Protein backbone atom coordinates (compact mmCIF):
# COMPACT_ATOMS: atom_id res chain seq x y z
CA MET A 1 -52.52 -40.54 29.34
CA ARG A 2 -52.04 -42.93 32.20
CA ARG A 3 -50.67 -41.72 35.52
CA GLY A 4 -46.93 -42.37 35.89
CA ALA A 5 -46.31 -42.62 32.17
CA ARG A 6 -43.25 -40.72 30.87
CA ARG A 7 -43.92 -37.87 28.53
CA ALA A 8 -42.22 -37.82 25.16
CA PRO A 9 -39.60 -35.03 24.86
CA VAL A 10 -40.81 -31.99 23.00
CA ARG A 11 -38.47 -31.25 20.12
CA PRO A 12 -38.02 -27.55 19.35
CA SER A 13 -39.08 -26.32 15.98
CA ALA A 14 -36.71 -25.15 13.29
CA CYS A 15 -37.51 -21.49 13.97
CA SER A 16 -36.75 -21.81 17.68
CA ARG A 17 -33.43 -23.55 16.95
CA VAL A 18 -32.41 -20.75 14.58
CA TRP A 19 -33.41 -18.16 17.17
CA GLN A 20 -31.37 -19.88 19.90
CA ARG A 21 -28.27 -20.04 17.72
CA SER A 22 -28.58 -16.44 16.59
CA SER A 23 -29.09 -15.20 20.15
CA TYR A 24 -26.03 -17.19 21.25
CA TRP A 25 -23.83 -15.53 18.63
CA VAL A 26 -25.28 -12.11 19.48
CA ARG A 27 -24.40 -12.63 23.16
CA LEU A 28 -20.96 -13.87 22.21
CA ARG A 29 -20.35 -10.88 19.95
CA CYS A 30 -21.87 -8.13 22.06
CA GLY A 31 -21.07 -9.45 25.52
CA ARG A 32 -23.40 -9.98 28.43
CA ARG A 33 -22.44 -6.67 30.03
CA GLY A 34 -22.30 -4.65 26.83
CA GLY A 35 -24.71 -2.02 25.72
CA ALA A 36 -27.93 -2.55 23.88
CA GLY A 37 -26.70 -4.51 20.90
CA MET A 38 -23.35 -2.69 20.67
CA PRO A 39 -20.40 -4.99 20.00
CA ARG A 40 -17.53 -4.89 22.41
CA SER A 41 -14.22 -3.90 20.88
CA SER A 42 -10.82 -4.56 22.30
CA PRO A 43 -9.74 -1.72 24.61
CA ALA A 44 -6.16 -1.87 23.37
CA ARG A 45 -7.35 -1.63 19.81
CA SER A 46 -9.85 1.16 20.27
CA VAL A 47 -7.60 3.35 22.46
CA SER A 48 -4.15 2.79 20.97
CA PRO A 49 -3.30 5.08 18.04
CA HIS A 50 -2.35 3.80 14.62
CA PRO A 51 1.24 2.45 14.51
CA GLY A 52 1.95 4.63 11.50
CA ALA A 53 1.05 7.66 13.63
CA TRP A 54 3.69 6.71 16.18
CA TRP A 55 6.32 6.34 13.45
CA LEU A 56 5.39 9.69 11.89
CA TRP A 57 5.54 11.33 15.31
CA SER A 58 8.96 9.88 16.17
CA LEU A 59 10.46 10.56 12.73
CA SER A 60 9.21 14.14 12.92
CA LEU A 61 10.97 14.53 16.27
CA GLY A 62 14.09 13.04 14.69
CA ILE A 63 13.92 15.55 11.82
CA ALA A 64 13.56 18.32 14.39
CA ALA A 65 16.65 17.00 16.19
CA THR A 66 18.72 17.17 13.00
CA ARG A 67 17.95 20.89 12.57
CA THR A 68 19.65 22.00 15.78
CA THR A 69 22.69 21.45 17.99
CA ASN A 70 21.25 23.33 20.97
CA PRO A 71 21.64 20.97 23.95
CA LEU A 72 18.55 22.37 25.70
CA LEU A 73 16.28 21.66 22.72
CA LEU A 74 17.81 18.21 22.20
CA ALA A 75 17.38 17.36 25.87
CA LEU A 76 13.77 18.55 25.67
CA LEU A 77 13.12 16.20 22.73
CA VAL A 78 14.64 13.29 24.68
CA VAL A 79 12.54 14.08 27.77
CA VAL A 80 9.33 14.33 25.73
CA SER A 81 9.95 11.02 23.95
CA ALA A 82 10.81 9.30 27.25
CA TYR A 83 7.64 10.62 28.91
CA VAL A 84 5.44 9.51 26.01
CA VAL A 85 7.01 6.05 26.01
CA ALA A 86 6.61 5.71 29.78
CA THR A 87 2.92 6.65 29.66
CA CYS A 88 1.73 5.13 26.38
CA ARG A 89 3.63 1.89 25.83
CA ARG A 90 1.91 -1.42 26.45
CA PRO A 91 3.19 -4.62 28.09
CA ALA A 92 4.57 -6.31 24.98
CA PRO A 93 8.00 -7.74 24.05
CA TRP A 94 8.81 -4.87 21.68
CA SER A 95 7.98 -2.21 24.28
CA HIS A 96 11.16 -3.01 26.23
CA SER A 97 13.44 -1.99 23.35
CA TYR A 98 13.49 1.67 24.40
CA THR A 99 16.05 0.97 27.12
CA ALA A 100 18.35 -0.65 24.58
CA PHE A 101 18.11 2.41 22.34
CA LEU A 102 18.93 4.66 25.31
CA ARG A 103 22.06 2.63 26.00
CA LEU A 104 22.98 2.74 22.32
CA ALA A 105 22.53 6.52 22.27
CA LEU A 106 24.74 6.89 25.35
CA ALA A 107 27.38 4.66 23.74
CA VAL A 108 27.31 6.77 20.56
CA LEU A 109 27.75 9.94 22.60
CA LEU A 110 30.73 8.49 24.49
CA VAL A 111 32.34 7.21 21.28
CA ARG A 112 31.97 10.64 19.67
CA LEU A 113 33.69 12.26 22.66
CA LEU A 114 36.43 9.61 22.57
CA PHE A 115 37.07 10.29 18.89
CA ALA A 116 37.35 13.99 19.63
CA VAL A 117 39.90 13.30 22.35
CA VAL A 118 42.01 10.81 20.39
CA LEU A 119 41.68 12.05 16.79
CA GLY A 120 41.24 15.73 17.47
CA SER A 121 38.68 18.13 16.05
CA PRO A 122 38.77 20.69 13.21
CA VAL A 123 37.26 23.32 15.52
CA PRO A 124 39.94 25.78 16.65
CA GLY A 125 40.15 26.59 20.32
CA THR A 126 42.17 28.61 22.79
CA HIS A 127 41.23 26.95 26.10
CA VAL A 128 43.58 23.96 26.33
CA LEU A 129 42.43 21.35 28.82
CA VAL A 130 45.20 18.77 28.45
CA THR A 131 48.03 17.99 26.05
CA LEU A 132 48.30 14.33 25.06
CA PRO A 133 51.34 12.68 23.49
CA GLU A 134 51.03 13.13 19.72
CA LEU A 135 51.89 10.34 17.29
CA PRO A 136 53.46 11.61 14.04
CA LEU A 137 51.63 10.58 10.86
CA PRO A 138 52.73 10.64 7.19
CA ASP A 139 52.06 13.62 4.92
CA TRP A 140 49.17 11.98 3.05
CA SER A 141 47.05 11.90 6.23
CA GLN A 142 46.42 15.62 6.37
CA GLY A 143 43.70 16.67 8.80
CA ILE A 144 44.10 13.58 10.99
CA ARG A 145 46.16 13.46 14.14
CA LEU A 146 46.55 11.14 17.07
CA GLY A 147 46.85 12.90 20.39
CA GLY A 148 47.94 16.49 20.78
CA ARG A 149 46.14 19.38 22.41
CA LEU A 150 42.60 18.90 23.66
CA THR A 151 40.67 22.16 23.82
CA ALA A 152 37.39 22.89 25.55
CA GLU A 153 35.88 24.17 22.29
CA ALA A 154 36.60 20.89 20.50
CA LEU A 155 35.11 18.88 23.36
CA VAL A 156 31.95 21.01 23.46
CA PHE A 157 31.54 20.74 19.68
CA ALA A 158 31.86 16.94 19.89
CA LEU A 159 29.31 16.90 22.72
CA TYR A 160 26.80 18.89 20.64
CA ASP A 161 27.34 16.70 17.59
CA GLY A 162 27.09 13.43 19.51
CA LEU A 163 24.01 14.61 21.39
CA LYS A 164 22.24 15.30 18.09
CA LEU A 165 22.87 11.76 16.83
CA ALA A 166 21.93 10.29 20.22
CA THR A 167 18.62 12.18 20.18
CA LEU A 168 17.86 10.81 16.72
CA LEU A 169 18.45 7.25 17.99
CA VAL A 170 16.23 7.87 21.02
CA CYS A 171 13.39 9.06 18.77
CA VAL A 172 13.67 5.94 16.61
CA GLY A 173 13.67 3.82 19.77
CA ALA A 174 10.45 5.50 20.89
CA ALA A 175 8.77 4.41 17.66
CA ASN A 176 9.97 0.83 18.15
CA ALA A 177 8.61 0.78 21.70
CA LEU A 178 5.22 2.34 20.91
CA ALA A 179 4.24 0.94 17.50
CA ASN A 180 2.91 -2.60 17.28
CA PRO A 181 4.89 -4.22 14.43
CA HIS A 182 2.11 -6.70 13.64
CA ARG A 183 -0.46 -3.93 13.22
CA LEU A 184 2.04 -1.94 11.17
CA LEU A 185 2.52 -4.92 8.86
CA LYS A 186 -1.24 -5.13 8.27
CA SER A 187 -1.29 -1.46 7.32
CA LEU A 188 1.43 -1.71 4.68
CA PRO A 189 0.40 -1.66 1.01
CA GLY A 190 0.39 -4.92 -0.88
CA ALA A 191 3.56 -4.08 -2.80
CA LEU A 192 5.56 -3.90 0.45
CA TYR A 193 3.94 -6.85 2.17
CA GLU A 194 6.80 -9.33 1.62
CA LEU A 195 9.41 -6.75 2.62
CA GLY A 196 7.29 -5.82 5.62
CA VAL A 197 7.11 -9.42 6.79
CA ALA A 198 10.90 -9.69 6.66
CA VAL A 199 11.31 -6.43 8.58
CA VAL A 200 8.75 -7.42 11.23
CA VAL A 201 10.39 -10.82 11.73
CA ALA A 202 13.77 -9.13 12.08
CA LEU A 203 12.46 -6.51 14.52
CA THR A 204 10.61 -8.99 16.72
CA PHE A 205 13.47 -11.51 16.85
CA ALA A 206 15.50 -9.62 19.47
CA PRO A 207 12.53 -8.86 21.83
CA HIS A 208 11.40 -12.49 21.76
CA LEU A 209 14.99 -13.61 22.35
CA ILE A 210 15.30 -11.28 25.35
CA ALA A 211 11.97 -12.52 26.73
CA ASP A 212 13.12 -16.16 26.41
CA VAL A 213 16.40 -15.40 28.17
CA GLN A 214 14.61 -13.63 31.04
CA ARG A 215 12.12 -16.47 31.40
CA LEU A 216 14.82 -19.16 31.47
CA ARG A 217 17.02 -17.24 33.90
CA ALA A 218 14.07 -16.74 36.24
CA ALA A 219 13.28 -20.46 36.08
CA ARG A 220 16.90 -21.35 36.89
CA ARG A 221 16.94 -18.96 39.84
CA LEU A 222 13.75 -20.54 41.21
CA ARG A 223 15.42 -23.96 40.99
CA GLY A 224 18.52 -22.67 42.79
CA ARG A 225 20.81 -23.04 39.79
CA PRO A 226 23.37 -20.46 38.66
CA ASP A 227 22.33 -18.19 35.80
CA THR A 228 25.55 -16.18 35.41
CA GLY A 229 28.99 -17.01 34.11
CA ILE A 230 30.04 -19.22 31.22
CA ARG A 231 28.21 -22.28 32.54
CA GLY A 232 24.96 -20.43 33.07
CA LEU A 233 25.24 -18.81 29.64
CA LEU A 234 25.68 -22.17 27.93
CA GLN A 235 22.81 -23.79 29.82
CA VAL A 236 20.52 -20.86 28.99
CA GLY A 237 21.70 -20.35 25.42
CA LEU A 238 20.88 -23.83 24.14
CA PRO A 239 17.17 -23.74 25.15
CA VAL A 240 16.90 -20.22 23.73
CA LEU A 241 18.38 -21.38 20.42
CA GLU A 242 16.03 -24.37 20.37
CA GLY A 243 13.02 -22.13 21.00
CA ALA A 244 14.11 -19.76 18.22
CA LEU A 245 14.37 -22.66 15.75
CA GLU A 246 10.94 -24.00 16.75
CA ARG A 247 9.45 -20.54 16.35
CA SER A 248 11.04 -20.20 12.91
CA VAL A 249 9.61 -23.55 11.77
CA ALA A 250 6.15 -22.61 13.06
CA LEU A 251 6.37 -19.24 11.32
CA ALA A 252 7.38 -20.86 8.03
CA ALA A 253 4.47 -23.31 8.25
CA ALA A 254 2.01 -20.51 9.02
CA MET A 255 3.30 -18.40 6.12
CA ASP A 256 3.03 -21.31 3.72
CA ALA A 257 -0.50 -22.09 4.89
CA ARG A 258 -1.54 -18.48 4.25
CA GLY A 259 -0.17 -18.47 0.72
CA TYR A 260 2.79 -16.21 1.37
CA GLY A 261 4.74 -15.32 -1.78
CA ARG A 262 1.98 -16.06 -4.28
CA THR A 263 1.24 -13.27 -6.74
CA ALA A 264 -1.41 -12.48 -9.31
CA GLU A 265 -0.89 -11.85 -13.01
CA VAL A 266 -0.33 -8.19 -13.92
CA PRO A 267 0.15 -6.77 -17.46
CA SER A 268 3.69 -5.81 -18.42
CA ARG A 269 2.67 -2.19 -19.03
CA VAL A 270 1.46 -1.88 -15.45
CA ARG A 271 4.69 -3.44 -14.17
CA ARG A 272 6.86 -0.97 -16.09
CA THR A 273 4.76 1.97 -14.92
CA THR A 274 4.97 0.74 -11.34
CA ALA A 275 8.75 0.39 -11.50
CA ALA A 276 9.20 3.86 -13.02
CA LEU A 277 6.94 5.56 -10.47
CA THR A 278 8.45 3.76 -7.50
CA LEU A 279 12.07 4.33 -8.53
CA GLY A 280 11.49 7.98 -9.43
CA GLY A 281 9.53 8.57 -6.25
CA LEU A 282 12.24 7.05 -4.04
CA LEU A 283 14.90 9.16 -5.74
CA GLY A 284 12.74 12.24 -5.17
CA VAL A 285 12.27 11.31 -1.51
CA CYS A 286 16.04 10.90 -1.06
CA ALA A 287 16.78 14.23 -2.77
CA GLY A 288 14.06 16.05 -0.82
CA THR A 289 15.19 14.57 2.50
CA TYR A 290 18.75 15.62 1.77
CA GLY A 291 17.50 19.10 1.02
CA LEU A 292 15.62 19.26 4.31
CA LEU A 293 18.56 18.03 6.37
CA THR A 294 21.06 20.48 4.86
CA ALA A 295 21.03 24.24 5.01
CA GLU A 296 21.78 24.69 1.30
CA GLY A 297 18.79 22.73 0.02
CA GLY A 298 16.07 24.35 2.08
CA THR A 299 14.40 25.89 -0.97
CA TYR A 300 13.96 22.79 -3.11
CA GLY A 301 13.70 20.19 -0.34
CA VAL A 302 9.97 20.44 0.41
CA PRO A 303 8.58 20.41 -3.19
CA VAL A 304 10.92 17.61 -4.29
CA LEU A 305 10.02 15.57 -1.22
CA LEU A 306 6.27 16.01 -1.80
CA ALA A 307 6.57 15.10 -5.49
CA GLY A 308 8.64 12.04 -4.65
CA LEU A 309 6.16 10.91 -2.01
CA ALA A 310 3.26 11.27 -4.45
CA ALA A 311 5.05 9.26 -7.16
CA ALA A 312 6.17 6.57 -4.71
CA LEU A 313 2.67 6.17 -3.25
CA ALA A 314 1.19 5.88 -6.74
CA GLY A 315 3.74 3.23 -7.65
CA LEU A 316 3.07 1.28 -4.46
CA ARG A 317 -0.66 1.40 -5.09
CA LEU A 318 -0.19 0.00 -8.58
CA GLY A 319 2.26 -2.60 -7.31
CA GLY A 320 -0.27 -3.78 -4.74
CA ARG A 321 -2.29 -5.42 -7.51
CA ARG A 322 0.23 -8.27 -7.59
CA THR A 323 -0.70 -9.35 -4.07
CA PRO A 324 -4.47 -9.12 -3.56
CA ARG A 325 -5.49 -9.58 0.05
CA THR A 326 -8.31 -8.81 2.45
CA ARG A 327 -8.29 -7.33 5.95
CA TYR A 328 -10.62 -8.59 8.64
CA ARG A 329 -10.15 -5.55 10.88
CA PRO A 330 -8.44 -2.70 9.05
CA ASP A 331 -6.76 -0.12 11.27
CA ARG A 332 -8.48 3.22 10.96
CA TRP A 333 -6.81 6.58 11.36
CA THR A 334 -8.80 7.94 14.28
CA THR A 335 -8.77 11.48 15.62
CA ARG A 336 -6.23 10.51 18.23
CA SER A 337 -3.91 9.06 15.58
CA LEU A 338 -4.15 12.23 13.52
CA LEU A 339 -3.38 14.34 16.59
CA VAL A 340 -0.32 12.21 17.41
CA ALA A 341 1.06 12.47 13.88
CA GLY A 342 0.13 16.15 13.63
CA SER A 343 1.90 17.05 16.87
CA GLY A 344 5.16 15.57 15.60
CA ALA A 345 4.78 17.26 12.23
CA ALA A 346 4.13 20.59 13.98
CA VAL A 347 7.38 20.26 15.95
CA ALA A 348 9.34 19.50 12.77
CA ALA A 349 7.71 22.44 10.95
CA VAL A 350 8.47 24.86 13.79
CA MET A 351 12.11 23.77 13.88
CA PHE A 352 12.38 24.10 10.11
CA LEU A 353 10.95 27.63 10.16
CA ALA A 354 13.18 28.58 13.09
CA SER A 355 16.26 27.32 11.27
CA VAL A 356 15.37 29.53 8.30
CA ALA A 357 14.47 32.61 10.36
CA ASP A 358 17.22 32.50 13.01
CA PRO A 359 19.79 29.72 12.45
CA VAL A 360 22.17 31.15 15.05
CA ALA A 361 19.73 30.41 17.88
CA LEU A 362 19.54 26.73 16.94
CA HIS A 363 23.31 26.35 16.56
CA PRO A 364 25.01 27.94 19.57
CA GLY A 365 28.68 28.70 19.34
CA VAL A 366 31.40 26.87 21.19
């Protein structure tokens, strides 16, 4: 070769090109700072428990709240749920819904006390706090009065009753703040997929709306424009409504592109069996839940509830054949998820056993 002549570029062989591409995808998958060939997983995904575990935990606390009117136990349930939400929730739009549920619970408690003051209470009492002007009512409205004597016993009974309902709302709010609705939708069986999509869209509408309002109000404050009053509400409400409509159109297009609503052919015999199992199971769940929540049905509540759950799950599994689908990353029930769900179930079981053994301790007198 003569001096100064340019060399021809050396083209890599087919094997070297395949090796370069495979090594690129391995680095992309495993990460440059990962372990020896171990893929990196999302920290939020690997650490956060299953969303179904959060719902089981919160519903178990709610069941425990329905078994007692002791204000100390109800306050303890509220404190525990608030601490778990404060330490375990993630920065997401739905995680800010716990404050709204706290306000709703406080409003329910105040309304229950107001009803006791205005409409009276069937609980007899001897300690009269105040006597309000009483409005006479016709004879057919027996048991209802407007005004009259307000006793301390009636007010305490209304406080206990309202605190029980408020605690139940707080427990449900904890589940909404902790459980990722998108992950929960992926975990639903195929028979409930369409219903789950509707529920998830409904649950995420308010958090996204609140996030849009906060973002627009912050932008108006940075520009020195008013964000309060009727004028500020109108100037913020129109962009929020426009964003909601655009999000709805994008969601509809995405659902249509993914084949939402398309079903597979299933024999009529399987459809009838699915309907019978699902309907019978749901009736059994309703009857068993009623038995658990009332003192008279404590004997038959647990077996009827378990039989109804088994029948409903079998029906949902058969109904899932109509909507075949695949999961890229299925959510696994890890040890942490089982511990979360088991802790809530243990609280509900302890309260149930305590209500059977010593019901007076869980329902203090007024």
